[in-house]
């Protein structure tokens, strides 16, 4: 019975995050707060649930994005996507060697920065046969930077008076994980959210070719790559919206629910943060991740503002 009472704050926080009164940054803070107090149930499969909930949320967002918008945004940003992915991987490889990082650890952090954070790391890690410590170190580094980006990107966007389209593009390019991209863009505005979601998922499609190339670079015998099926279903949702416009009220409802599910995702991510993960991130990997992140953030922001 005592264990049931101990879980009440955690369950109550989830219920609160399901309401429109809690934003993504606030949800993350609530999760971190409960984790620091030891009020997160150890038996609760946070990682597994977060991954599935995020996938379902992204699919739901597809019902709120018109096909023409998706095509326009993707075509406009495809050059920036390709350029930043290639340059980030190349620069990351060079800097990690100079810093004396383990080759695979540095490459995983660069892959997470170049494409889509934890998802890219999860796909590339088996391709290059990275061990659990290398993978955990990369994920810990990316997680810390994601948490920071969720808060500071909207502030910088407002400070620079960025349009919603420009901010959405910048968030999709410079923020690692899809959850943080959507969280930051959602806090900035509806148009920013649509732009960021579409571009980020177009960027995430590069997980597959990058994982295959990575396997070749590291002479790995494994060619098994995690296929992000939710991206395909997201495209199907956009297609349904385009082909059956008479159900617009239904699509709007699904889109609204999906956005709130993302808030819950941010709460769960915050709940899963531990002192051990931060300690494992260490100094050099974190400095490497910050430096690479600053390069991609500043260069992409300059490109967007001067375009």
C-alpha atoms as a PDB file:
ATOM      1  CA  UNK A   1       0.000   0.000   0.000  1.00  0.00           C
ATOM      2  CA  UNK A   2       2.877   2.375   0.810  1.00  0.00           C
ATOM      3  CA  UNK A   3       4.280   1.786  -2.691  1.00  0.00           C
ATOM      4  CA  UNK A   4       0.933   2.783  -4.199  1.00  0.00           C
ATOM      5  CA  UNK A   5       0.925   6.056  -2.239  1.00  0.00           C
ATOM      6  CA  UNK A   6       4.518   6.707  -3.296  1.00  0.00           C
ATOM      7  CA  UNK A   7       3.457   6.494  -6.955  1.00  0.00           C
ATOM      8  CA  UNK A   8       0.634   9.022  -6.552  1.00  0.00           C
ATOM      9  CA  UNK A   9       2.788  12.146  -7.253  1.00  0.00           C
ATOM     10  CA  UNK A  10       4.147  10.564 -10.428  1.00  0.00           C
ATOM     11  CA  UNK A  11       0.705   9.519 -11.705  1.00  0.00           C
ATOM     12  CA  UNK A  12      -0.779  12.882 -10.722  1.00  0.00           C
ATOM     13  CA  UNK A  13       1.980  14.671 -12.657  1.00  0.00           C
ATOM     14  CA  UNK A  14       1.218  12.621 -15.767  1.00  0.00           C
ATOM     15  CA  UNK A  15      -2.460  13.528 -15.448  1.00  0.00           C
ATOM     16  CA  UNK A  16      -1.531  17.209 -15.025  1.00  0.00           C
ATOM     17  CA  UNK A  17       0.682  17.125 -18.122  1.00  0.00           C
ATOM     18  CA  UNK A  18      -2.254  15.748 -20.093  1.00  0.00           C
ATOM     19  CA  UNK A  19      -4.056  19.062 -19.570  1.00  0.00           C
ATOM     20  CA  UNK A  20      -3.495  22.166 -21.730  1.00  0.00           C
ATOM     21  CA  UNK A  21      -2.232  24.097 -18.687  1.00  0.00           C
ATOM     22  CA  UNK A  22       1.249  22.538 -18.744  1.00  0.00           C
ATOM     23  CA  UNK A  23       3.814  23.461 -21.423  1.00  0.00           C
ATOM     24  CA  UNK A  24       6.676  21.262 -22.624  1.00  0.00           C
ATOM     25  CA  UNK A  25       9.436  23.075 -20.643  1.00  0.00           C
ATOM     26  CA  UNK A  26       7.302  22.994 -17.488  1.00  0.00           C
ATOM     27  CA  UNK A  27       6.662  19.277 -17.961  1.00  0.00           C
ATOM     28  CA  UNK A  28      10.400  18.630 -18.241  1.00  0.00           C
ATOM     29  CA  UNK A  29      11.058  20.536 -14.997  1.00  0.00           C
ATOM     30  CA  UNK A  30       8.329  18.617 -13.178  1.00  0.00           C
ATOM     31  CA  UNK A  31       9.878  15.353 -14.331  1.00  0.00           C
ATOM     32  CA  UNK A  32      13.357  16.410 -13.197  1.00  0.00           C
ATOM     33  CA  UNK A  33      11.958  17.519  -9.843  1.00  0.00           C
ATOM     34  CA  UNK A  34      10.230  14.201  -9.164  1.00  0.00           C
ATOM     35  CA  UNK A  35      13.322  12.268 -10.261  1.00  0.00           C
ATOM     36  CA  UNK A  36      15.529  14.267  -7.868  1.00  0.00           C
ATOM     37  CA  UNK A  37      13.137  13.448  -5.011  1.00  0.00           C
ATOM     38  CA  UNK A  38      13.117   9.753  -5.865  1.00  0.00           C
ATOM     39  CA  UNK A  39       9.405   9.804  -6.668  1.00  0.00           C
ATOM     40  CA  UNK A  40       9.690   8.072 -10.045  1.00  0.00           C
ATOM     41  CA  UNK A  41       8.664   4.372  -9.878  1.00  0.00           C
ATOM     42  CA  UNK A  42      11.622   2.124 -10.675  1.00  0.00           C
ATOM     43  CA  UNK A  43       9.337  -0.492 -12.218  1.00  0.00           C
ATOM     44  CA  UNK A  44       7.813   1.985 -14.670  1.00  0.00           C
ATOM     45  CA  UNK A  45       9.270   1.328 -18.181  1.00  0.00           C
ATOM     46  CA  UNK A  46       9.862   5.028 -18.961  1.00  0.00           C
ATOM     47  CA  UNK A  47      12.216   4.592 -21.917  1.00  0.00           C
ATOM     48  CA  UNK A  48       9.994   2.071 -23.677  1.00  0.00           C
ATOM     49  CA  UNK A  49       6.800   4.057 -23.137  1.00  0.00           C
ATOM     50  CA  UNK A  50       8.406   7.368 -24.130  1.00  0.00           C
ATOM     51  CA  UNK A  51       9.679   5.932 -27.404  1.00  0.00           C
ATOM     52  CA  UNK A  52       6.249   4.571 -28.353  1.00  0.00           C
ATOM     53  CA  UNK A  53       4.366   7.644 -27.173  1.00  0.00           C
ATOM     54  CA  UNK A  54       6.684   9.910 -29.162  1.00  0.00           C
ATOM     55  CA  UNK A  55       6.127   7.829 -32.297  1.00  0.00           C
ATOM     56  CA  UNK A  56       2.345   7.968 -31.896  1.00  0.00           C
ATOM     57  CA  UNK A  57       2.509  11.706 -31.246  1.00  0.00           C
ATOM     58  CA  UNK A  58       4.502  12.374 -34.411  1.00  0.00           C
ATOM     59  CA  UNK A  59       2.039  10.333 -36.456  1.00  0.00           C
ATOM     60  CA  UNK A  60      -0.824  12.343 -34.957  1.00  0.00           C
ATOM     61  CA  UNK A  61       0.873  15.604 -35.893  1.00  0.00           C
ATOM     62  CA  UNK A  62       0.780  14.466 -39.518  1.00  0.00           C
ATOM     63  CA  UNK A  63      -2.986  14.920 -39.529  1.00  0.00           C
ATOM     64  CA  UNK A  64      -2.503  18.615 -38.831  1.00  0.00           C
ATOM     65  CA  UNK A  65      -0.025  19.356 -41.622  1.00  0.00           C
ATOM     66  CA  UNK A  66      -1.376  20.009 -45.153  1.00  0.00           C
ATOM     67  CA  UNK A  67       0.494  18.174 -47.923  1.00  0.00           C
ATOM     68  CA  UNK A  68       1.358  21.385 -49.767  1.00  0.00           C
ATOM     69  CA  UNK A  69       2.918  22.773 -46.599  1.00  0.00           C
ATOM     70  CA  UNK A  70       5.007  19.637 -46.157  1.00  0.00           C
ATOM     71  CA  UNK A  71       6.244  19.739 -49.753  1.00  0.00           C
ATOM     72  CA  UNK A  72       7.029  23.448 -49.631  1.00  0.00           C
ATOM     73  CA  UNK A  73       8.906  23.284 -46.324  1.00  0.00           C
ATOM     74  CA  UNK A  74      10.882  20.178 -47.279  1.00  0.00           C
ATOM     75  CA  UNK A  75      11.867  21.545 -50.709  1.00  0.00           C
ATOM     76  CA  UNK A  76      12.924  24.848 -49.165  1.00  0.00           C
ATOM     77  CA  UNK A  77      15.131  23.228 -46.535  1.00  0.00           C
ATOM     78  CA  UNK A  78      16.549  20.168 -48.290  1.00  0.00           C
ATOM     79  CA  UNK A  79      19.824  21.890 -49.198  1.00  0.00           C
ATOM     80  CA  UNK A  80      20.331  23.011 -45.625  1.00  0.00           C
ATOM     81  CA  UNK A  81      19.517  19.518 -44.347  1.00  0.00           C
ATOM     82  CA  UNK A  82      22.080  17.765 -46.544  1.00  0.00           C
ATOM     83  CA  UNK A  83      24.786  20.379 -45.981  1.00  0.00           C
ATOM     84  CA  UNK A  84      24.470  20.403 -42.199  1.00  0.00           C
ATOM     85  CA  UNK A  85      24.389  16.594 -41.894  1.00  0.00           C
ATOM     86  CA  UNK A  86      27.537  16.090 -43.973  1.00  0.00           C
ATOM     87  CA  UNK A  87      29.425  18.994 -42.388  1.00  0.00           C
ATOM     88  CA  UNK A  88      28.463  18.029 -38.838  1.00  0.00           C
ATOM     89  CA  UNK A  89      29.676  14.448 -39.284  1.00  0.00           C
ATOM     90  CA  UNK A  90      32.925  15.589 -40.912  1.00  0.00           C
ATOM     91  CA  UNK A  91      33.664  18.320 -38.348  1.00  0.00           C
ATOM     92  CA  UNK A  92      32.668  16.027 -35.500  1.00  0.00           C
ATOM     93  CA  UNK A  93      35.042  13.307 -36.691  1.00  0.00           C
ATOM     94  CA  UNK A  94      37.917  15.808 -36.921  1.00  0.00           C
ATOM     95  CA  UNK A  95      37.331  17.456 -33.523  1.00  0.00           C
ATOM     96  CA  UNK A  96      36.774  14.193 -31.625  1.00  0.00           C
ATOM     97  CA  UNK A  97      40.160  12.913 -32.815  1.00  0.00           C
ATOM     98  CA  UNK A  98      41.855  16.136 -31.699  1.00  0.00           C
ATOM     99  CA  UNK A  99      40.203  15.908 -28.260  1.00  0.00           C
ATOM    100  CA  UNK A 100      41.314  12.317 -27.825  1.00  0.00           C
ATOM    101  CA  UNK A 101      37.793  10.958 -27.469  1.00  0.00           C
ATOM    102  CA  UNK A 102      37.090   7.320 -28.151  1.00  0.00           C
ATOM    103  CA  UNK A 103      36.430   7.049 -31.861  1.00  0.00           C
ATOM    104  CA  UNK A 104      33.007   5.463 -31.550  1.00  0.00           C
ATOM    105  CA  UNK A 105      31.845   7.741 -28.728  1.00  0.00           C
ATOM    106  CA  UNK A 106      32.732  10.850 -30.728  1.00  0.00           C
ATOM    107  CA  UNK A 107      31.070   9.482 -33.834  1.00  0.00           C
ATOM    108  CA  UNK A 108      27.858   8.662 -31.977  1.00  0.00           C
ATOM    109  CA  UNK A 109      27.654  12.181 -30.518  1.00  0.00           C
ATOM    110  CA  UNK A 110      28.283  13.632 -33.995  1.00  0.00           C
ATOM    111  CA  UNK A 111      25.579  11.386 -35.479  1.00  0.00           C
ATOM    112  CA  UNK A 112      23.092  12.466 -32.814  1.00  0.00           C
ATOM    113  CA  UNK A 113      23.929  16.116 -33.472  1.00  0.00           C
ATOM    114  CA  UNK A 114      23.768  15.724 -37.250  1.00  0.00           C
ATOM    115  CA  UNK A 115      20.434  13.945 -37.539  1.00  0.00           C
ATOM    116  CA  UNK A 116      18.003  13.425 -34.692  1.00  0.00           C
ATOM    117  CA  UNK A 117      19.636  12.823 -31.350  1.00  0.00           C
ATOM    118  CA  UNK A 118      18.858   9.604 -29.517  1.00  0.00           C
ATOM    119  CA  UNK A 119      17.113   7.968 -32.484  1.00  0.00           C
ATOM    120  CA  UNK A 120      20.196   8.387 -34.661  1.00  0.00           C
ATOM    121  CA  UNK A 121      22.480   7.120 -31.895  1.00  0.00           C
ATOM    122  CA  UNK A 122      20.232   4.090 -31.360  1.00  0.00           C
ATOM    123  CA  UNK A 123      20.371   3.274 -35.094  1.00  0.00           C
ATOM    124  CA  UNK A 124      24.083   3.949 -35.629  1.00  0.00           C
ATOM    125  CA  UNK A 125      25.351   2.240 -32.441  1.00  0.00           C
ATOM    126  CA  UNK A 126      24.687  -1.362 -33.570  1.00  0.00           C
ATOM    127  CA  UNK A 127      25.940  -0.554 -37.063  1.00  0.00           C
ATOM    128  CA  UNK A 128      29.374   0.416 -35.688  1.00  0.00           C
ATOM    129  CA  UNK A 129      29.236  -2.152 -32.853  1.00  0.00           C
ATOM    130  CA  UNK A 130      29.447   0.436 -30.081  1.00  0.00           C
ATOM    131  CA  UNK A 131      29.286  -0.963 -26.552  1.00  0.00           C
ATOM    132  CA  UNK A 132      26.782   0.056 -23.872  1.00  0.00           C
ATOM    133  CA  UNK A 133      29.158   2.522 -22.213  1.00  0.00           C
ATOM    134  CA  UNK A 134      29.894   4.344 -25.479  1.00  0.00           C
ATOM    135  CA  UNK A 135      26.216   4.454 -26.376  1.00  0.00           C
ATOM    136  CA  UNK A 136      25.190   5.587 -22.882  1.00  0.00           C
ATOM    137  CA  UNK A 137      27.836   8.294 -22.863  1.00  0.00           C
ATOM    138  CA  UNK A 138      26.634   9.671 -26.202  1.00  0.00           C
ATOM    139  CA  UNK A 139      22.981   9.545 -25.137  1.00  0.00           C
ATOM    140  CA  UNK A 140      23.766  11.285 -21.850  1.00  0.00           C
ATOM    141  CA  UNK A 141      25.594  14.100 -23.622  1.00  0.00           C
ATOM    142  CA  UNK A 142      22.814  14.601 -26.167  1.00  0.00           C
ATOM    143  CA  UNK A 143      20.168  14.524 -23.457  1.00  0.00           C
ATOM    144  CA  UNK A 144      21.798  17.333 -21.492  1.00  0.00           C
ATOM    145  CA  UNK A 145      22.036  19.532 -24.601  1.00  0.00           C
ATOM    146  CA  UNK A 146      18.435  18.743 -25.559  1.00  0.00           C
ATOM    147  CA  UNK A 147      17.247  19.902 -22.153  1.00  0.00           C
ATOM    148  CA  UNK A 148      19.109  23.194 -22.552  1.00  0.00           C
ATOM    149  CA  UNK A 149      17.883  23.745 -26.124  1.00  0.00           C
ATOM    150  CA  UNK A 150      14.260  23.318 -25.108  1.00  0.00           C
ATOM    151  CA  UNK A 151      14.496  26.454 -22.997  1.00  0.00           C
ATOM    152  CA  UNK A 152      17.020  28.741 -24.707  1.00  0.00           C
ATOM    153  CA  UNK A 153      15.981  28.380 -28.355  1.00  0.00           C
ATOM    154  CA  UNK A 154      12.559  30.073 -27.984  1.00  0.00           C
ATOM    155  CA  UNK A 155      14.241  32.851 -25.977  1.00  0.00           C
ATOM    156  CA  UNK A 156      16.841  33.433 -28.702  1.00  0.00           C
ATOM    157  CA  UNK A 157      14.147  33.299 -31.380  1.00  0.00           C
ATOM    158  CA  UNK A 158      12.102  36.017 -29.692  1.00  0.00           C
ATOM    159  CA  UNK A 159      15.216  38.068 -28.979  1.00  0.00           C
ATOM    160  CA  UNK A 160      16.122  38.032 -32.687  1.00  0.00           C
ATOM    161  CA  UNK A 161      12.472  38.562 -33.730  1.00  0.00           C
ATOM    162  CA  UNK A 162      12.602  35.468 -35.919  1.00  0.00           C
ATOM    163  CA  UNK A 163       9.554  34.582 -37.982  1.00  0.00           C
ATOM    164  CA  UNK A 164       7.814  31.342 -37.084  1.00  0.00           C
ATOM    165  CA  UNK A 165       8.953  29.729 -40.345  1.00  0.00           C
ATOM    166  CA  UNK A 166      12.584  30.674 -39.730  1.00  0.00           C
ATOM    167  CA  UNK A 167      12.478  29.546 -36.120  1.00  0.00           C
ATOM    168  CA  UNK A 168      10.905  26.209 -37.079  1.00  0.00           C
ATOM    169  CA  UNK A 169      13.651  25.665 -39.659  1.00  0.00           C
ATOM    170  CA  UNK A 170      16.385  26.558 -37.181  1.00  0.00           C
ATOM    171  CA  UNK A 171      14.946  24.299 -34.462  1.00  0.00           C
ATOM    172  CA  UNK A 172      14.729  21.363 -36.866  1.00  0.00           C
ATOM    173  CA  UNK A 173      18.353  21.818 -37.921  1.00  0.00           C
ATOM    174  CA  UNK A 174      20.054  22.702 -34.629  1.00  0.00           C
ATOM    175  CA  UNK A 175      18.149  20.808 -31.902  1.00  0.00           C
ATOM    176  CA  UNK A 176      18.943  17.125 -31.552  1.00  0.00           C
ATOM    177  CA  UNK A 177      15.932  15.006 -30.556  1.00  0.00           C
ATOM    178  CA  UNK A 178      12.537  15.235 -32.220  1.00  0.00           C
ATOM    179  CA  UNK A 179      10.836  15.631 -28.830  1.00  0.00           C
ATOM    180  CA  UNK A 180      12.859  18.740 -27.970  1.00  0.00           C
ATOM    181  CA  UNK A 181      12.457  20.149 -31.491  1.00  0.00           C
ATOM    182  CA  UNK A 182       8.694  19.830 -31.232  1.00  0.00           C
ATOM    183  CA  UNK A 183       8.686  21.107 -27.652  1.00  0.00           C
ATOM    184  CA  UNK A 184      10.659  24.259 -28.507  1.00  0.00           C
ATOM    185  CA  UNK A 185       8.710  24.885 -31.722  1.00  0.00           C
ATOM    186  CA  UNK A 186       5.377  24.321 -29.982  1.00  0.00           C
ATOM    187  CA  UNK A 187       6.309  26.976 -27.414  1.00  0.00           C
ATOM    188  CA  UNK A 188       7.102  29.389 -30.267  1.00  0.00           C
ATOM    189  CA  UNK A 189       3.917  28.983 -32.306  1.00  0.00           C
ATOM    190  CA  UNK A 190       1.705  26.806 -34.482  1.00  0.00           C
ATOM    191  CA  UNK A 191       3.444  27.618 -37.774  1.00  0.00           C
ATOM    192  CA  UNK A 192       6.848  27.039 -36.185  1.00  0.00           C
ATOM    193  CA  UNK A 193       5.624  23.644 -34.980  1.00  0.00           C
ATOM    194  CA  UNK A 194       4.461  22.600 -38.451  1.00  0.00           C
ATOM    195  CA  UNK A 195       7.686  23.760 -40.077  1.00  0.00           C
ATOM    196  CA  UNK A 196       9.943  22.165 -37.466  1.00  0.00           C
ATOM    197  CA  UNK A 197       8.097  18.835 -37.427  1.00  0.00           C
ATOM    198  CA  UNK A 198       8.144  18.453 -41.212  1.00  0.00           C
ATOM    199  CA  UNK A 199      11.813  19.406 -41.588  1.00  0.00           C
ATOM    200  CA  UNK A 200      12.923  17.311 -38.618  1.00  0.00           C
ATOM    201  CA  UNK A 201      11.252  14.214 -39.992  1.00  0.00           C
ATOM    202  CA  UNK A 202      12.753  14.849 -43.425  1.00  0.00           C
ATOM    203  CA  UNK A 203      16.092  15.058 -41.614  1.00  0.00           C
ATOM    204  CA  UNK A 204      15.376  11.863 -39.675  1.00  0.00           C
ATOM    205  CA  UNK A 205      15.009   9.939 -42.936  1.00  0.00           C
ATOM    206  CA  UNK A 206      18.792  10.219 -43.229  1.00  0.00           C
ATOM    207  CA  UNK A 207      19.186   7.801 -40.309  1.00  0.00           C
ATOM    208  CA  UNK A 208      19.045   4.884 -42.743  1.00  0.00           C
ATOM    209  CA  UNK A 209      21.783   5.888 -45.247  1.00  0.00           C
ATOM    210  CA  UNK A 210      24.005   7.294 -42.480  1.00  0.00           C
ATOM    211  CA  UNK A 211      23.760   4.035 -40.499  1.00  0.00           C
ATOM    212  CA  UNK A 212      24.725   1.993 -43.568  1.00  0.00           C
ATOM    213  CA  UNK A 213      27.657   4.279 -44.379  1.00  0.00           C
ATOM    214  CA  UNK A 214      28.727   4.179 -40.727  1.00  0.00           C
ATOM    215  CA  UNK A 215      28.807   0.388 -40.814  1.00  0.00           C
ATOM    216  CA  UNK A 216      31.146   0.556 -43.790  1.00  0.00           C
ATOM    217  CA  UNK A 217      33.386   3.205 -42.189  1.00  0.00           C
ATOM    218  CA  UNK A 218      33.841   1.129 -39.055  1.00  0.00           C
ATOM    219  CA  UNK A 219      34.160  -2.148 -40.976  1.00  0.00           C
ATOM    220  CA  UNK A 220      31.252  -3.594 -39.071  1.00  0.00           C
ATOM    221  CA  UNK A 221      29.821  -6.905 -40.114  1.00  0.00           C
ATOM    222  CA  UNK A 222      26.377  -5.828 -38.955  1.00  0.00           C
ATOM    223  CA  UNK A 223      24.024  -4.279 -41.475  1.00  0.00           C
ATOM    224  CA  UNK A 224      20.964  -4.256 -39.254  1.00  0.00           C
ATOM    225  CA  UNK A 225      19.412  -0.796 -39.144  1.00  0.00           C
ATOM    226  CA  UNK A 226      16.414   0.348 -37.120  1.00  0.00           C
ATOM    227  CA  UNK A 227      13.865   1.610 -39.632  1.00  0.00           C
ATOM    228  CA  UNK A 228      11.867   4.583 -38.283  1.00  0.00           C
ATOM    229  CA  UNK A 229       8.439   3.321 -39.330  1.00  0.00           C
ATOM    230  CA  UNK A 230       6.680   6.218 -37.600  1.00  0.00           C
ATOM    231  CA  UNK A 231       8.082   8.525 -40.286  1.00  0.00           C
ATOM    232  CA  UNK A 232       6.308   6.518 -42.985  1.00  0.00           C
ATOM    233  CA  UNK A 233       3.064   6.570 -40.988  1.00  0.00           C
ATOM    234  CA  UNK A 234       3.482  10.308 -40.484  1.00  0.00           C
ATOM    235  CA  UNK A 235       3.576  10.663 -44.293  1.00  0.00           C
ATOM    236  CA  UNK A 236       0.486   8.458 -44.564  1.00  0.00           C
ATOM    237  CA  UNK A 237      -1.329  10.748 -42.104  1.00  0.00           C
ATOM    238  CA  UNK A 238      -0.470  13.776 -44.256  1.00  0.00           C
ATOM    239  CA  UNK A 239      -1.773  11.902 -47.303  1.00  0.00           C
ATOM    240  CA  UNK A 240      -5.057  11.063 -45.568  1.00  0.00           C
ATOM    241  CA  UNK A 241      -5.479  14.722 -44.624  1.00  0.00           C
ATOM    242  CA  UNK A 242      -4.972  15.671 -48.269  1.00  0.00           C
ATOM    243  CA  UNK A 243      -7.247  13.011 -49.809  1.00  0.00           C
ATOM    244  CA  UNK A 244     -10.114  13.268 -47.303  1.00  0.00           C
ATOM    245  CA  UNK A 245     -10.394  16.964 -46.351  1.00  0.00           C
ATOM    246  CA  UNK A 246     -14.039  16.550 -45.273  1.00  0.00           C
ATOM    247  CA  UNK A 247     -12.857  15.123 -41.946  1.00  0.00           C
ATOM    248  CA  UNK A 248     -10.946  18.263 -40.987  1.00  0.00           C
ATOM    249  CA  UNK A 249     -12.583  18.534 -37.502  1.00  0.00           C
ATOM    250  CA  UNK A 250     -11.410  14.990 -36.722  1.00  0.00           C
ATOM    251  CA  UNK A 251      -7.872  15.766 -37.895  1.00  0.00           C
ATOM    252  CA  UNK A 252      -7.799  18.888 -35.746  1.00  0.00           C
ATOM    253  CA  UNK A 253      -8.769  16.820 -32.711  1.00  0.00           C
ATOM    254  CA  UNK A 254      -6.074  14.231 -33.395  1.00  0.00           C
ATOM    255  CA  UNK A 255      -3.502  16.999 -33.868  1.00  0.00           C
ATOM    256  CA  UNK A 256      -4.445  18.608 -30.534  1.00  0.00           C
ATOM    257  CA  UNK A 257      -4.204  15.289 -28.679  1.00  0.00           C
ATOM    258  CA  UNK A 258      -0.832  14.569 -30.311  1.00  0.00           C
ATOM    259  CA  UNK A 259       0.581  17.897 -29.128  1.00  0.00           C
ATOM    260  CA  UNK A 260      -0.460  17.150 -25.548  1.00  0.00           C
ATOM    261  CA  UNK A 261       1.025  13.664 -25.767  1.00  0.00           C
ATOM    262  CA  UNK A 262       4.325  15.346 -26.592  1.00  0.00           C
ATOM    263  CA  UNK A 263       4.106  17.299 -23.342  1.00  0.00           C
ATOM    264  CA  UNK A 264       3.780  13.983 -21.498  1.00  0.00           C
ATOM    265  CA  UNK A 265       6.821  12.721 -23.428  1.00  0.00           C
ATOM    266  CA  UNK A 266       8.888  15.643 -22.126  1.00  0.00           C
ATOM    267  CA  UNK A 267       7.747  14.877 -18.583  1.00  0.00           C
ATOM    268  CA  UNK A 268       8.807  11.248 -18.942  1.00  0.00           C
ATOM    269  CA  UNK A 269      12.168  12.260 -20.395  1.00  0.00           C
ATOM    270  CA  UNK A 270      12.765  14.541 -17.408  1.00  0.00           C
ATOM    271  CA  UNK A 271      11.731  11.729 -15.070  1.00  0.00           C
ATOM    272  CA  UNK A 272      14.352   9.464 -16.627  1.00  0.00           C
ATOM    273  CA  UNK A 273      17.270  11.818 -15.967  1.00  0.00           C
ATOM    274  CA  UNK A 274      19.637  10.577 -13.253  1.00  0.00           C
ATOM    275  CA  UNK A 275      22.815  11.789 -11.619  1.00  0.00           C
ATOM    276  CA  UNK A 276      24.552   8.712 -12.993  1.00  0.00           C
ATOM    277  CA  UNK A 277      23.713   9.659 -16.578  1.00  0.00           C
ATOM    278  CA  UNK A 278      25.060  13.155 -16.069  1.00  0.00           C
ATOM    279  CA  UNK A 279      28.204  11.798 -14.418  1.00  0.00           C
ATOM    280  CA  UNK A 280      28.803   9.396 -17.287  1.00  0.00           C
ATOM    281  CA  UNK A 281      28.581  12.261 -19.749  1.00  0.00           C
ATOM    282  CA  UNK A 282      31.906  13.468 -18.310  1.00  0.00           C
ATOM    283  CA  UNK A 283      33.779  16.643 -19.216  1.00  0.00           C
ATOM    284  CA  UNK A 284      35.360  15.976 -22.599  1.00  0.00           C
ATOM    285  CA  UNK A 285      32.343  14.358 -24.302  1.00  0.00           C
ATOM    286  CA  UNK A 286      30.129  17.148 -23.009  1.00  0.00           C
ATOM    287  CA  UNK A 287      32.556  19.841 -24.186  1.00  0.00           C
ATOM    288  CA  UNK A 288      32.761  18.117 -27.556  1.00  0.00           C
ATOM    289  CA  UNK A 289      28.979  17.958 -27.795  1.00  0.00           C
ATOM    290  CA  UNK A 290      28.618  21.618 -26.825  1.00  0.00           C
ATOM    291  CA  UNK A 291      31.269  22.750 -29.316  1.00  0.00           C
ATOM    292  CA  UNK A 292      29.760  20.781 -32.176  1.00  0.00           C
ATOM    293  CA  UNK A 293      26.282  21.987 -31.234  1.00  0.00           C
ATOM    294  CA  UNK A 294      27.420  25.615 -31.236  1.00  0.00           C
ATOM    295  CA  UNK A 295      28.956  25.195 -34.682  1.00  0.00           C
ATOM    296  CA  UNK A 296      25.755  23.758 -36.165  1.00  0.00           C
ATOM    297  CA  UNK A 297      23.515  26.236 -34.303  1.00  0.00           C
ATOM    298  CA  UNK A 298      25.411  29.404 -35.219  1.00  0.00           C
ATOM    299  CA  UNK A 299      26.137  28.407 -38.828  1.00  0.00           C
ATOM    300  CA  UNK A 300      22.546  27.314 -39.547  1.00  0.00           C
ATOM    301  CA  UNK A 301      21.150  30.438 -37.843  1.00  0.00           C
ATOM    302  CA  UNK A 302      23.413  32.649 -39.966  1.00  0.00           C
ATOM    303  CA  UNK A 303      22.357  30.814 -43.114  1.00  0.00           C
ATOM    304  CA  UNK A 304      18.655  31.200 -42.276  1.00  0.00           C
ATOM    305  CA  UNK A 305      18.843  34.886 -41.344  1.00  0.00           C
ATOM    306  CA  UNK A 306      20.954  35.842 -44.353  1.00  0.00           C
ATOM    307  CA  UNK A 307      19.014  33.759 -46.888  1.00  0.00           C
END
